[in-house]
Amino acid sequence: MVIESIKKIVDFLEEEIKVEEISLTLSLHPLAHKSLQKEIWEMGNKSNPFEYTDEFNLQMNKIKFTFLIKE
């Protein structure tokens, strides 16, 4: 999963489902989880060192994503 795909999801939800806020929880395979987490870190403030976590959040407009490692 890449950030461009997530942006497409956000665009769709904001346009088709007009709500004030949506929270989504997604379980990803460990490799996809780590890859996405690093990609998001690279786009943001890099003053803190990168560390993998089992769970992380991403807020895009009115959509809040919570990403977990799939067990």
C-alpha atoms as a PDB file:
ATOM      1  CA  MET A   1       0.000   0.000   0.000  1.00  0.00           C
ATOM      2  CA  VAL A   2       1.415   3.382  -0.921  1.00  0.00           C
ATOM      3  CA  ILE A   3       0.451   6.835   0.230  1.00  0.00           C
ATOM      4  CA  GLU A   4      -1.113   7.661  -3.175  1.00  0.00           C
ATOM      5  CA  SER A   5      -3.612   4.837  -2.685  1.00  0.00           C
ATOM      6  CA  ILE A   6      -4.509   6.153   0.749  1.00  0.00           C
ATOM      7  CA  LYS A   7      -5.089   9.610  -0.758  1.00  0.00           C
ATOM      8  CA  LYS A   8      -7.517   8.051  -3.247  1.00  0.00           C
ATOM      9  CA  ILE A   9      -9.431   6.457  -0.362  1.00  0.00           C
ATOM     10  CA  VAL A  10      -9.594   9.800   1.440  1.00  0.00           C
ATOM     11  CA  ASP A  11     -10.812  11.596  -1.700  1.00  0.00           C
ATOM     12  CA  PHE A  12     -13.502   8.963  -2.262  1.00  0.00           C
ATOM     13  CA  LEU A  13     -14.757   9.007   1.331  1.00  0.00           C
ATOM     14  CA  GLU A  14     -14.858  12.791   1.513  1.00  0.00           C
ATOM     15  CA  GLU A  15     -16.707  13.104  -1.766  1.00  0.00           C
ATOM     16  CA  GLU A  16     -19.085  10.136  -1.599  1.00  0.00           C
ATOM     17  CA  ILE A  17     -19.684   9.837   2.136  1.00  0.00           C
ATOM     18  CA  LYS A  18     -20.073  13.324   3.484  1.00  0.00           C
ATOM     19  CA  VAL A  19     -19.464  12.981   7.205  1.00  0.00           C
ATOM     20  CA  GLU A  20     -17.611  15.066   9.723  1.00  0.00           C
ATOM     21  CA  GLU A  21     -15.040  12.437  10.651  1.00  0.00           C
ATOM     22  CA  ILE A  22     -14.243   8.825   9.841  1.00  0.00           C
ATOM     23  CA  SER A  23     -11.899   6.501  11.718  1.00  0.00           C
ATOM     24  CA  LEU A  24     -10.557   3.410   9.995  1.00  0.00           C
ATOM     25  CA  THR A  25      -8.445   0.643  11.500  1.00  0.00           C
ATOM     26  CA  LEU A  26      -6.481  -1.464   9.053  1.00  0.00           C
ATOM     27  CA  SER A  27      -4.383  -4.547   9.754  1.00  0.00           C
ATOM     28  CA  LEU A  28      -1.424  -4.942   7.429  1.00  0.00           C
ATOM     29  CA  HIS A  29       1.127  -7.683   6.903  1.00  0.00           C
ATOM     30  CA  PRO A  30       4.353  -6.798   8.748  1.00  0.00           C
ATOM     31  CA  LEU A  31       6.332  -5.897   5.609  1.00  0.00           C
ATOM     32  CA  ALA A  32       3.597  -3.608   4.251  1.00  0.00           C
ATOM     33  CA  HIS A  33       3.144  -2.071   7.711  1.00  0.00           C
ATOM     34  CA  LYS A  34       6.855  -1.252   8.052  1.00  0.00           C
ATOM     35  CA  SER A  35       7.088   0.055   4.496  1.00  0.00           C
ATOM     36  CA  LEU A  36       4.106   2.382   4.907  1.00  0.00           C
ATOM     37  CA  GLN A  37       5.282   3.571   8.313  1.00  0.00           C
ATOM     38  CA  LYS A  38       8.690   4.482   6.881  1.00  0.00           C
ATOM     39  CA  GLU A  39       7.141   6.218   3.857  1.00  0.00           C
ATOM     40  CA  ILE A  40       4.983   8.374   6.124  1.00  0.00           C
ATOM     41  CA  TRP A  41       7.977   9.183   8.347  1.00  0.00           C
ATOM     42  CA  GLU A  42       9.999  10.236   5.289  1.00  0.00           C
ATOM     43  CA  MET A  43       7.257  12.671   4.276  1.00  0.00           C
ATOM     44  CA  GLY A  44       7.109  14.311   7.701  1.00  0.00           C
ATOM     45  CA  ASN A  45       9.390  15.841  10.294  1.00  0.00           C
ATOM     46  CA  LYS A  46      12.603  13.831  10.372  1.00  0.00           C
ATOM     47  CA  SER A  47      14.031  15.472  13.491  1.00  0.00           C
ATOM     48  CA  ASN A  48      13.092  12.375  15.502  1.00  0.00           C
ATOM     49  CA  PRO A  49      14.801   9.107  14.559  1.00  0.00           C
ATOM     50  CA  PHE A  50      12.690   6.539  12.753  1.00  0.00           C
ATOM     51  CA  GLU A  51      11.426   3.678  14.903  1.00  0.00           C
ATOM     52  CA  TYR A  52       9.022   0.920  13.904  1.00  0.00           C
ATOM     53  CA  THR A  53       5.931   0.515  16.074  1.00  0.00           C
ATOM     54  CA  ASP A  54       3.197  -2.122  16.075  1.00  0.00           C
ATOM     55  CA  GLU A  55       0.575   0.602  15.673  1.00  0.00           C
ATOM     56  CA  PHE A  56       0.633   4.062  14.138  1.00  0.00           C
ATOM     57  CA  ASN A  57      -1.883   6.698  13.082  1.00  0.00           C
ATOM     58  CA  LEU A  58      -2.279   8.895  10.039  1.00  0.00           C
ATOM     59  CA  GLN A  59      -4.715  11.819   9.849  1.00  0.00           C
ATOM     60  CA  MET A  60      -5.664  13.020   6.365  1.00  0.00           C
ATOM     61  CA  ASN A  61      -8.308  15.719   6.340  1.00  0.00           C
ATOM     62  CA  LYS A  62     -11.346  14.235   8.122  1.00  0.00           C
ATOM     63  CA  ILE A  63     -10.117  10.644   7.916  1.00  0.00           C
ATOM     64  CA  LYS A  64      -8.077   9.057  10.706  1.00  0.00           C
ATOM     65  CA  PHE A  65      -6.304   5.818   9.874  1.00  0.00           C
ATOM     66  CA  THR A  66      -4.941   3.458  12.506  1.00  0.00           C
ATOM     67  CA  PHE A  67      -2.564   0.867  11.113  1.00  0.00           C
ATOM     68  CA  LEU A  68      -1.851  -2.349  13.012  1.00  0.00           C
ATOM     69  CA  ILE A  69       0.374  -5.313  12.254  1.00  0.00           C
ATOM     70  CA  LYS A  70      -1.709  -8.273  11.116  1.00  0.00           C
ATOM     71  CA  GLU A  71      -1.237 -11.319  13.308  1.00  0.00           C
END
